[in-house]
Amino acid sequence: MNPLNDNTPWFVYIVQCRGGTYYTGITTDLVRRIREHNDTHKAARYTRSRRPVNLAYAEPHDSRSEASKREHQLKQLTASQKRSLIKAHQNHPNDED
């Protein structure tokens, strides 16, 4: 495993769980983390009982600190607000927030 360095991007992500609920988290490897949510004991307790999950939204950040702050902001959103964010991103994936 490679140690993280200053150039390793962090991602804030939202997955849609079975039943339509959302889970928000951070990671340096989106593919691995989604696989963990779906297939392993490393999944967050919330997602383990709501599989499968699908990646609905992700945004890169330069540091863990920035990603954690944004994660906190996204966790404050209502489900409706998260749906709007996801929809806006799907319509304009290259726009910055």
PDB file of N, CA and C in Angstrom:
ATOM      1  N   MET A   1       0.850  -1.177   0.000  1.00  0.00           N
ATOM      2  CA  MET A   1       0.000   0.000   0.000  1.00  0.00           C
ATOM      3  C   MET A   1       0.893   1.237   0.000  1.00  0.00           C
ATOM      4  N   ASN A   2       0.584   2.165  -0.869  1.00  0.00           N
ATOM      5  CA  ASN A   2       1.365   3.386  -0.948  1.00  0.00           C
ATOM      6  C   ASN A   2       0.904   4.379   0.102  1.00  0.00           C
ATOM      7  N   PRO A   3       1.856   4.979   0.808  1.00  0.00           N
ATOM      8  CA  PRO A   3       1.442   6.009   1.762  1.00  0.00           C
ATOM      9  C   PRO A   3       0.889   7.207   1.007  1.00  0.00           C
ATOM     10  N   LEU A   4      -0.050   7.879   1.617  1.00  0.00           N
ATOM     11  CA  LEU A   4      -0.629   9.064   0.993  1.00  0.00           C
ATOM     12  C   LEU A   4       0.382  10.193   1.020  1.00  0.00           C
ATOM     13  N   ASN A   5       0.420  10.948  -0.062  1.00  0.00           N
ATOM     14  CA  ASN A   5       1.282  12.115  -0.089  1.00  0.00           C
ATOM     15  C   ASN A   5       0.435  13.350  -0.341  1.00  0.00           C
ATOM     16  N   ASP A   6       1.092  14.482  -0.420  1.00  0.00           N
ATOM     17  CA  ASP A   6       0.360  15.741  -0.583  1.00  0.00           C
ATOM     18  C   ASP A   6      -0.394  15.823  -1.898  1.00  0.00           C
ATOM     19  N   ASN A   7      -0.033  14.993  -2.880  1.00  0.00           N
ATOM     20  CA  ASN A   7      -0.687  15.041  -4.186  1.00  0.00           C
ATOM     21  C   ASN A   7      -1.848  14.069  -4.313  1.00  0.00           C
ATOM     22  N   THR A   8      -2.096  13.286  -3.300  1.00  0.00           N
ATOM     23  CA  THR A   8      -3.188  12.318  -3.357  1.00  0.00           C
ATOM     24  C   THR A   8      -4.513  13.048  -3.216  1.00  0.00           C
ATOM     25  N   PRO A   9      -5.373  12.963  -4.242  1.00  0.00           N
ATOM     26  CA  PRO A   9      -6.669  13.644  -4.109  1.00  0.00           C
ATOM     27  C   PRO A   9      -7.595  12.885  -3.167  1.00  0.00           C
ATOM     28  N   TRP A  10      -8.391  13.630  -2.464  1.00  0.00           N
ATOM     29  CA  TRP A  10      -9.450  13.073  -1.628  1.00  0.00           C
ATOM     30  C   TRP A  10     -10.772  13.355  -2.317  1.00  0.00           C
ATOM     31  N   PHE A  11     -11.698  12.451  -2.182  1.00  0.00           N
ATOM     32  CA  PHE A  11     -13.013  12.608  -2.789  1.00  0.00           C
ATOM     33  C   PHE A  11     -14.090  12.578  -1.717  1.00  0.00           C
ATOM     34  N   VAL A  12     -15.043  13.480  -1.852  1.00  0.00           N
ATOM     35  CA  VAL A  12     -16.285  13.405  -1.096  1.00  0.00           C
ATOM     36  C   VAL A  12     -17.256  12.726  -2.043  1.00  0.00           C
ATOM     37  N   TYR A  13     -17.995  11.754  -1.544  1.00  0.00           N
ATOM     38  CA  TYR A  13     -18.908  11.029  -2.423  1.00  0.00           C
ATOM     39  C   TYR A  13     -20.251  10.820  -1.745  1.00  0.00           C
ATOM     40  N   ILE A  14     -21.256  10.634  -2.582  1.00  0.00           N
ATOM     41  CA  ILE A  14     -22.591  10.258  -2.116  1.00  0.00           C
ATOM     42  C   ILE A  14     -22.974   9.001  -2.869  1.00  0.00           C
ATOM     43  N   VAL A  15     -23.371   7.977  -2.134  1.00  0.00           N
ATOM     44  CA  VAL A  15     -23.918   6.779  -2.771  1.00  0.00           C
ATOM     45  C   VAL A  15     -25.406   6.722  -2.494  1.00  0.00           C
ATOM     46  N   GLN A  16     -26.119   6.185  -3.471  1.00  0.00           N
ATOM     47  CA  GLN A  16     -27.541   5.928  -3.256  1.00  0.00           C
ATOM     48  C   GLN A  16     -27.671   4.468  -2.867  1.00  0.00           C
ATOM     49  N   CYS A  17     -28.331   4.240  -1.758  1.00  0.00           N
ATOM     50  CA  CYS A  17     -28.508   2.896  -1.217  1.00  0.00           C
ATOM     51  C   CYS A  17     -29.831   2.301  -1.684  1.00  0.00           C
ATOM     52  N   ARG A  18     -29.942   0.992  -1.505  1.00  0.00           N
ATOM     53  CA  ARG A  18     -31.220   0.332  -1.769  1.00  0.00           C
ATOM     54  C   ARG A  18     -32.282   1.041  -0.936  1.00  0.00           C
ATOM     55  N   GLY A  19     -33.404   1.291  -1.527  1.00  0.00           N
ATOM     56  CA  GLY A  19     -34.461   2.004  -0.829  1.00  0.00           C
ATOM     57  C   GLY A  19     -34.436   3.501  -1.081  1.00  0.00           C
ATOM     58  N   GLY A  20     -33.396   3.980  -1.781  1.00  0.00           N
ATOM     59  CA  GLY A  20     -33.346   5.383  -2.152  1.00  0.00           C
ATOM     60  C   GLY A  20     -32.692   6.315  -1.154  1.00  0.00           C
ATOM     61  N   THR A  21     -32.151   5.789  -0.059  1.00  0.00           N
ATOM     62  CA  THR A  21     -31.476   6.650   0.910  1.00  0.00           C
ATOM     63  C   THR A  21     -30.067   6.963   0.425  1.00  0.00           C
ATOM     64  N   TYR A  22     -29.428   7.934   1.070  1.00  0.00           N
ATOM     65  CA  TYR A  22     -28.093   8.366   0.675  1.00  0.00           C
ATOM     66  C   TYR A  22     -27.113   8.203   1.822  1.00  0.00           C
ATOM     67  N   TYR A  23     -25.863   7.918   1.444  1.00  0.00           N
ATOM     68  CA  TYR A  23     -24.763   7.865   2.401  1.00  0.00           C
ATOM     69  C   TYR A  23     -23.649   8.732   1.836  1.00  0.00           C
ATOM     70  N   THR A  24     -23.050   9.560   2.677  1.00  0.00           N
ATOM     71  CA  THR A  24     -21.975  10.458   2.267  1.00  0.00           C
ATOM     72  C   THR A  24     -20.699  10.079   2.997  1.00  0.00           C
ATOM     73  N   GLY A  25     -19.585  10.069   2.267  1.00  0.00           N
ATOM     74  CA  GLY A  25     -18.306   9.734   2.876  1.00  0.00           C
ATOM     75  C   GLY A  25     -17.148  10.360   2.125  1.00  0.00           C
ATOM     76  N   ILE A  26     -15.919  10.049   2.570  1.00  0.00           N
ATOM     77  CA  ILE A  26     -14.710  10.509   1.893  1.00  0.00           C
ATOM     78  C   ILE A  26     -13.790   9.324   1.668  1.00  0.00           C
ATOM     79  N   THR A  27     -12.940   9.436   0.646  1.00  0.00           N
ATOM     80  CA  THR A  27     -11.992   8.382   0.322  1.00  0.00           C
ATOM     81  C   THR A  27     -10.929   8.927  -0.615  1.00  0.00           C
ATOM     82  N   THR A  28      -9.845   8.184  -0.771  1.00  0.00           N
ATOM     83  CA  THR A  28      -8.851   8.502  -1.791  1.00  0.00           C
ATOM     84  C   THR A  28      -9.008   7.601  -3.005  1.00  0.00           C
ATOM     85  N   ASP A  29      -9.861   6.595  -2.913  1.00  0.00           N
ATOM     86  CA  ASP A  29     -10.038   5.629  -4.003  1.00  0.00           C
ATOM     87  C   ASP A  29     -11.520   5.276  -4.122  1.00  0.00           C
ATOM     88  N   LEU A  30     -12.205   5.925  -5.048  1.00  0.00           N
ATOM     89  CA  LEU A  30     -13.652   5.730  -5.193  1.00  0.00           C
ATOM     90  C   LEU A  30     -14.019   4.302  -5.568  1.00  0.00           C
ATOM     91  N   VAL A  31     -13.299   3.713  -6.507  1.00  0.00           N
ATOM     92  CA  VAL A  31     -13.633   2.357  -6.956  1.00  0.00           C
ATOM     93  C   VAL A  31     -13.531   1.374  -5.798  1.00  0.00           C
ATOM     94  N   ARG A  32     -12.418   1.445  -5.063  1.00  0.00           N
ATOM     95  CA  ARG A  32     -12.228   0.544  -3.922  1.00  0.00           C
ATOM     96  C   ARG A  32     -13.310   0.761  -2.875  1.00  0.00           C
ATOM     97  N   ARG A  33     -13.612   2.010  -2.579  1.00  0.00           N
ATOM     98  CA  ARG A  33     -14.573   2.290  -1.503  1.00  0.00           C
ATOM     99  C   ARG A  33     -15.978   1.831  -1.859  1.00  0.00           C
ATOM    100  N   ILE A  34     -16.398   2.021  -3.097  1.00  0.00           N
ATOM    101  CA  ILE A  34     -17.723   1.551  -3.502  1.00  0.00           C
ATOM    102  C   ILE A  34     -17.764   0.026  -3.432  1.00  0.00           C
ATOM    103  N   ARG A  35     -16.690  -0.616  -3.865  1.00  0.00           N
ATOM    104  CA  ARG A  35     -16.617  -2.079  -3.766  1.00  0.00           C
ATOM    105  C   ARG A  35     -16.713  -2.513  -2.297  1.00  0.00           C
ATOM    106  N   GLU A  36     -16.029  -1.807  -1.406  1.00  0.00           N
ATOM    107  CA  GLU A  36     -16.108  -2.138   0.022  1.00  0.00           C
ATOM    108  C   GLU A  36     -17.531  -1.977   0.546  1.00  0.00           C
ATOM    109  N   HIS A  37     -18.198  -0.917   0.138  1.00  0.00           N
ATOM    110  CA  HIS A  37     -19.586  -0.716   0.581  1.00  0.00           C
ATOM    111  C   HIS A  37     -20.479  -1.866   0.124  1.00  0.00           C
ATOM    112  N   ASN A  38     -20.203  -2.408  -1.044  1.00  0.00           N
ATOM    113  CA  ASN A  38     -21.065  -3.447  -1.604  1.00  0.00           C
ATOM    114  C   ASN A  38     -20.675  -4.869  -1.224  1.00  0.00           C
ATOM    115  N   ASP A  39     -19.392  -5.111  -0.978  1.00  0.00           N
ATOM    116  CA  ASP A  39     -18.937  -6.498  -0.913  1.00  0.00           C
ATOM    117  C   ASP A  39     -18.187  -6.919   0.338  1.00  0.00           C
ATOM    118  N   THR A  40     -17.856  -6.022   1.221  1.00  0.00           N
ATOM    119  CA  THR A  40     -16.985  -6.425   2.323  1.00  0.00           C
ATOM    120  C   THR A  40     -17.505  -5.980   3.681  1.00  0.00           C
ATOM    121  N   HIS A  41     -16.844  -6.484   4.699  1.00  0.00           N
ATOM    122  CA  HIS A  41     -17.147  -6.075   6.072  1.00  0.00           C
ATOM    123  C   HIS A  41     -16.634  -4.668   6.366  1.00  0.00           C
ATOM    124  N   LYS A  42     -15.857  -4.085   5.445  1.00  0.00           N
ATOM    125  CA  LYS A  42     -15.334  -2.729   5.642  1.00  0.00           C
ATOM    126  C   LYS A  42     -16.367  -1.656   5.324  1.00  0.00           C
ATOM    127  N   ALA A  43     -17.530  -2.072   4.878  1.00  0.00           N
ATOM    128  CA  ALA A  43     -18.593  -1.108   4.579  1.00  0.00           C
ATOM    129  C   ALA A  43     -19.024  -0.395   5.853  1.00  0.00           C
ATOM    130  N   ALA A  44     -19.485   0.814   5.681  1.00  0.00           N
ATOM    131  CA  ALA A  44     -20.068   1.536   6.810  1.00  0.00           C
ATOM    132  C   ALA A  44     -21.273   0.754   7.312  1.00  0.00           C
ATOM    133  N   ARG A  45     -21.490   0.774   8.584  1.00  0.00           N
ATOM    134  CA  ARG A  45     -22.622   0.042   9.170  1.00  0.00           C
ATOM    135  C   ARG A  45     -23.933   0.409   8.471  1.00  0.00           C
ATOM    136  N   TYR A  46     -24.096   1.690   8.155  1.00  0.00           N
ATOM    137  CA  TYR A  46     -25.333   2.148   7.506  1.00  0.00           C
ATOM    138  C   TYR A  46     -25.546   1.454   6.160  1.00  0.00           C
ATOM    139  N   THR A  47     -24.490   1.333   5.367  1.00  0.00           N
ATOM    140  CA  THR A  47     -24.668   0.769   4.021  1.00  0.00           C
ATOM    141  C   THR A  47     -24.722  -0.752   4.007  1.00  0.00           C
ATOM    142  N   ARG A  48     -24.184  -1.398   5.026  1.00  0.00           N
ATOM    143  CA  ARG A  48     -24.185  -2.871   5.036  1.00  0.00           C
ATOM    144  C   ARG A  48     -25.579  -3.455   4.926  1.00  0.00           C
ATOM    145  N   SER A  49     -26.558  -2.803   5.510  1.00  0.00           N
ATOM    146  CA  SER A  49     -27.926  -3.325   5.468  1.00  0.00           C
ATOM    147  C   SER A  49     -28.750  -2.697   4.345  1.00  0.00           C
ATOM    148  N   ARG A  50     -28.089  -1.914   3.492  1.00  0.00           N
ATOM    149  CA  ARG A  50     -28.813  -1.218   2.420  1.00  0.00           C
ATOM    150  C   ARG A  50     -28.142  -1.436   1.068  1.00  0.00           C
ATOM    151  N   ARG A  51     -27.547  -2.598   0.896  1.00  0.00           N
ATOM    152  CA  ARG A  51     -26.878  -2.933  -0.359  1.00  0.00           C
ATOM    153  C   ARG A  51     -27.892  -3.343  -1.409  1.00  0.00           C
ATOM    154  N   PRO A  52     -27.583  -3.128  -2.670  1.00  0.00           N
ATOM    155  CA  PRO A  52     -26.356  -2.541  -3.201  1.00  0.00           C
ATOM    156  C   PRO A  52     -26.402  -1.023  -3.140  1.00  0.00           C
ATOM    157  N   VAL A  53     -25.198  -0.430  -3.182  1.00  0.00           N
ATOM    158  CA  VAL A  53     -25.099   1.020  -3.273  1.00  0.00           C
ATOM    159  C   VAL A  53     -24.518   1.371  -4.632  1.00  0.00           C
ATOM    160  N   ASN A  54     -24.892   2.536  -5.124  1.00  0.00           N
ATOM    161  CA  ASN A  54     -24.384   3.027  -6.405  1.00  0.00           C
ATOM    162  C   ASN A  54     -23.856   4.438  -6.222  1.00  0.00           C
ATOM    163  N   LEU A  55     -22.703   4.698  -6.818  1.00  0.00           N
ATOM    164  CA  LEU A  55     -22.130   6.032  -6.739  1.00  0.00           C
ATOM    165  C   LEU A  55     -23.042   7.016  -7.455  1.00  0.00           C
ATOM    166  N   ALA A  56     -23.461   8.053  -6.753  1.00  0.00           N
ATOM    167  CA  ALA A  56     -24.356   9.055  -7.323  1.00  0.00           C
ATOM    168  C   ALA A  56     -23.651  10.388  -7.553  1.00  0.00           C
ATOM    169  N   TYR A  57     -22.602  10.671  -6.772  1.00  0.00           N
ATOM    170  CA  TYR A  57     -21.961  11.981  -6.829  1.00  0.00           C
ATOM    171  C   TYR A  57     -20.576  11.879  -6.216  1.00  0.00           C
ATOM    172  N   ALA A  58     -19.627  12.608  -6.792  1.00  0.00           N
ATOM    173  CA  ALA A  58     -18.287  12.691  -6.208  1.00  0.00           C
ATOM    174  C   ALA A  58     -17.652  14.008  -6.612  1.00  0.00           C
ATOM    175  N   GLU A  59     -16.846  14.540  -5.710  1.00  0.00           N
ATOM    176  CA  GLU A  59     -16.086  15.748  -6.027  1.00  0.00           C
ATOM    177  C   GLU A  59     -14.708  15.636  -5.396  1.00  0.00           C
ATOM    178  N   PRO A  60     -13.659  16.042  -6.139  1.00  0.00           N
ATOM    179  CA  PRO A  60     -12.288  15.939  -5.629  1.00  0.00           C
ATOM    180  C   PRO A  60     -11.921  17.124  -4.739  1.00  0.00           C
ATOM    181  N   HIS A  61     -11.003  16.852  -3.816  1.00  0.00           N
ATOM    182  CA  HIS A  61     -10.458  17.902  -2.947  1.00  0.00           C
ATOM    183  C   HIS A  61      -8.967  17.666  -2.787  1.00  0.00           C
ATOM    184  N   ASP A  62      -8.248  18.728  -2.488  1.00  0.00           N
ATOM    185  CA  ASP A  62      -6.792  18.654  -2.400  1.00  0.00           C
ATOM    186  C   ASP A  62      -6.278  18.044  -1.106  1.00  0.00           C
ATOM    187  N   SER A  63      -7.106  18.007  -0.076  1.00  0.00           N
ATOM    188  CA  SER A  63      -6.636  17.480   1.208  1.00  0.00           C
ATOM    189  C   SER A  63      -7.770  16.770   1.941  1.00  0.00           C
ATOM    190  N   ARG A  64      -7.363  15.954   2.890  1.00  0.00           N
ATOM    191  CA  ARG A  64      -8.364  15.281   3.722  1.00  0.00           C
ATOM    192  C   ARG A  64      -9.183  16.304   4.502  1.00  0.00           C
ATOM    193  N   SER A  65      -8.525  17.338   4.962  1.00  0.00           N
ATOM    194  CA  SER A  65      -9.216  18.371   5.730  1.00  0.00           C
ATOM    195  C   SER A  65     -10.321  19.028   4.905  1.00  0.00           C
ATOM    196  N   GLU A  66     -10.011  19.408   3.662  1.00  0.00           N
ATOM    197  CA  GLU A  66     -11.021  20.018   2.796  1.00  0.00           C
ATOM    198  C   GLU A  66     -12.166  19.045   2.532  1.00  0.00           C
ATOM    199  N   ALA A  67     -11.815  17.791   2.261  1.00  0.00           N
ATOM    200  CA  ALA A  67     -12.842  16.785   1.985  1.00  0.00           C
ATOM    201  C   ALA A  67     -13.733  16.572   3.207  1.00  0.00           C
ATOM    202  N   SER A  68     -13.143  16.540   4.382  1.00  0.00           N
ATOM    203  CA  SER A  68     -13.926  16.341   5.608  1.00  0.00           C
ATOM    204  C   SER A  68     -14.880  17.500   5.865  1.00  0.00           C
ATOM    205  N   LYS A  69     -14.408  18.713   5.608  1.00  0.00           N
ATOM    206  CA  LYS A  69     -15.278  19.879   5.787  1.00  0.00           C
ATOM    207  C   LYS A  69     -16.460  19.828   4.828  1.00  0.00           C
ATOM    208  N   ARG A  70     -16.180  19.465   3.571  1.00  0.00           N
ATOM    209  CA  ARG A  70     -17.259  19.377   2.587  1.00  0.00           C
ATOM    210  C   ARG A  70     -18.199  18.221   2.921  1.00  0.00           C
ATOM    211  N   GLU A  71     -17.648  17.109   3.387  1.00  0.00           N
ATOM    212  CA  GLU A  71     -18.481  15.977   3.802  1.00  0.00           C
ATOM    213  C   GLU A  71     -19.473  16.434   4.873  1.00  0.00           C
ATOM    214  N   HIS A  72     -18.993  17.187   5.832  1.00  0.00           N
ATOM    215  CA  HIS A  72     -19.867  17.686   6.894  1.00  0.00           C
ATOM    216  C   HIS A  72     -20.982  18.552   6.311  1.00  0.00           C
ATOM    217  N   GLN A  73     -20.631  19.425   5.365  1.00  0.00           N
ATOM    218  CA  GLN A  73     -21.648  20.267   4.720  1.00  0.00           C
ATOM    219  C   GLN A  73     -22.703  19.414   4.021  1.00  0.00           C
ATOM    220  N   LEU A  74     -22.254  18.415   3.266  1.00  0.00           N
ATOM    221  CA  LEU A  74     -23.200  17.580   2.518  1.00  0.00           C
ATOM    222  C   LEU A  74     -24.081  16.759   3.446  1.00  0.00           C
ATOM    223  N   LYS A  75     -23.546  16.337   4.567  1.00  0.00           N
ATOM    224  CA  LYS A  75     -24.345  15.555   5.513  1.00  0.00           C
ATOM    225  C   LYS A  75     -25.452  16.387   6.155  1.00  0.00           C
ATOM    226  N   GLN A  76     -25.322  17.707   6.097  1.00  0.00           N
ATOM    227  CA  GLN A  76     -26.362  18.577   6.647  1.00  0.00           C
ATOM    228  C   GLN A  76     -27.536  18.756   5.685  1.00  0.00           C
ATOM    229  N   LEU A  77     -27.346  18.390   4.419  1.00  0.00           N
ATOM    230  CA  LEU A  77     -28.404  18.556   3.421  1.00  0.00           C
ATOM    231  C   LEU A  77     -29.526  17.551   3.641  1.00  0.00           C
ATOM    232  N   THR A  78     -30.716  17.945   3.268  1.00  0.00           N
ATOM    233  CA  THR A  78     -31.843  17.010   3.276  1.00  0.00           C
ATOM    234  C   THR A  78     -31.706  16.076   2.079  1.00  0.00           C
ATOM    235  N   ALA A  79     -32.470  15.005   2.076  1.00  0.00           N
ATOM    236  CA  ALA A  79     -32.454  14.078   0.937  1.00  0.00           C
ATOM    237  C   ALA A  79     -32.841  14.804  -0.343  1.00  0.00           C
ATOM    238  N   SER A  80     -33.809  15.684  -0.252  1.00  0.00           N
ATOM    239  CA  SER A  80     -34.244  16.453  -1.418  1.00  0.00           C
ATOM    240  C   SER A  80     -33.117  17.343  -1.947  1.00  0.00           C
ATOM    241  N   GLN A  81     -32.390  17.976  -1.055  1.00  0.00           N
ATOM    242  CA  GLN A  81     -31.269  18.820  -1.466  1.00  0.00           C
ATOM    243  C   GLN A  81     -30.156  17.984  -2.093  1.00  0.00           C
ATOM    244  N   LYS A  82     -29.924  16.789  -1.552  1.00  0.00           N
ATOM    245  CA  LYS A  82     -28.918  15.901  -2.144  1.00  0.00           C
ATOM    246  C   LYS A  82     -29.346  15.473  -3.540  1.00  0.00           C
ATOM    247  N   ARG A  83     -30.621  15.152  -3.721  1.00  0.00           N
ATOM    248  CA  ARG A  83     -31.120  14.790  -5.054  1.00  0.00           C
ATOM    249  C   ARG A  83     -30.899  15.929  -6.043  1.00  0.00           C
ATOM    250  N   SER A  84     -31.157  17.153  -5.614  1.00  0.00           N
ATOM    251  CA  SER A  84     -30.955  18.318  -6.484  1.00  0.00           C
ATOM    252  C   SER A  84     -29.481  18.479  -6.854  1.00  0.00           C
ATOM    253  N   LEU A  85     -28.590  18.304  -5.889  1.00  0.00           N
ATOM    254  CA  LEU A  85     -27.156  18.388  -6.143  1.00  0.00           C
ATOM    255  C   LEU A  85     -26.729  17.321  -7.143  1.00  0.00           C
ATOM    256  N   ILE A  86     -27.192  16.102  -6.931  1.00  0.00           N
ATOM    257  CA  ILE A  86     -26.851  14.989  -7.817  1.00  0.00           C
ATOM    258  C   ILE A  86     -27.371  15.257  -9.227  1.00  0.00           C
ATOM    259  N   LYS A  87     -28.608  15.701  -9.322  1.00  0.00           N
ATOM    260  CA  LYS A  87     -29.208  15.979 -10.631  1.00  0.00           C
ATOM    261  C   LYS A  87     -28.448  17.092 -11.345  1.00  0.00           C
ATOM    262  N   ALA A  88     -28.106  18.154 -10.632  1.00  0.00           N
ATOM    263  CA  ALA A  88     -27.357  19.259 -11.239  1.00  0.00           C
ATOM    264  C   ALA A  88     -26.005  18.775 -11.747  1.00  0.00           C
ATOM    265  N   HIS A  89     -25.355  17.916 -10.983  1.00  0.00           N
ATOM    266  CA  HIS A  89     -24.055  17.382 -11.386  1.00  0.00           C
ATOM    267  C   HIS A  89     -24.194  16.489 -12.618  1.00  0.00           C
ATOM    268  N   GLN A  90     -25.251  15.699 -12.687  1.00  0.00           N
ATOM    269  CA  GLN A  90     -25.467  14.830 -13.848  1.00  0.00           C
ATOM    270  C   GLN A  90     -25.713  15.660 -15.100  1.00  0.00           C
ATOM    271  N   ASN A  91     -26.371  16.799 -14.954  1.00  0.00           N
ATOM    272  CA  ASN A  91     -26.653  17.666 -16.095  1.00  0.00           C
ATOM    273  C   ASN A  91     -25.443  18.492 -16.520  1.00  0.00           C
ATOM    274  N   HIS A  92     -24.554  18.800 -15.564  1.00  0.00           N
ATOM    275  CA  HIS A  92     -23.378  19.632 -15.828  1.00  0.00           C
ATOM    276  C   HIS A  92     -22.184  19.088 -15.048  1.00  0.00           C
ATOM    277  N   PRO A  93     -21.645  17.922 -15.429  1.00  0.00           N
ATOM    278  CA  PRO A  93     -20.614  17.264 -14.615  1.00  0.00           C
ATOM    279  C   PRO A  93     -19.297  18.016 -14.498  1.00  0.00           C
ATOM    280  N   ASN A  94     -19.007  18.955 -15.382  1.00  0.00           N
ATOM    281  CA  ASN A  94     -17.727  19.657 -15.315  1.00  0.00           C
ATOM    282  C   ASN A  94     -17.803  21.007 -14.631  1.00  0.00           C
ATOM    283  N   ASP A  95     -18.982  21.412 -14.204  1.00  0.00           N
ATOM    284  CA  ASP A  95     -19.137  22.694 -13.517  1.00  0.00           C
ATOM    285  C   ASP A  95     -18.622  22.588 -12.093  1.00  0.00           C
ATOM    286  N   GLU A  96     -18.001  23.639 -11.629  1.00  0.00           N
ATOM    287  CA  GLU A  96     -17.552  23.712 -10.238  1.00  0.00           C
ATOM    288  C   GLU A  96     -18.679  24.275  -9.395  1.00  0.00           C
ATOM    289  N   ASP A  97     -18.804  23.819  -8.155  1.00  0.00           N
ATOM    290  CA  ASP A  97     -19.829  24.343  -7.241  1.00  0.00           C
ATOM    291  C   ASP A  97     -19.450  25.697  -6.718  1.00  0.00           C
TER     292      ASP A  97
END
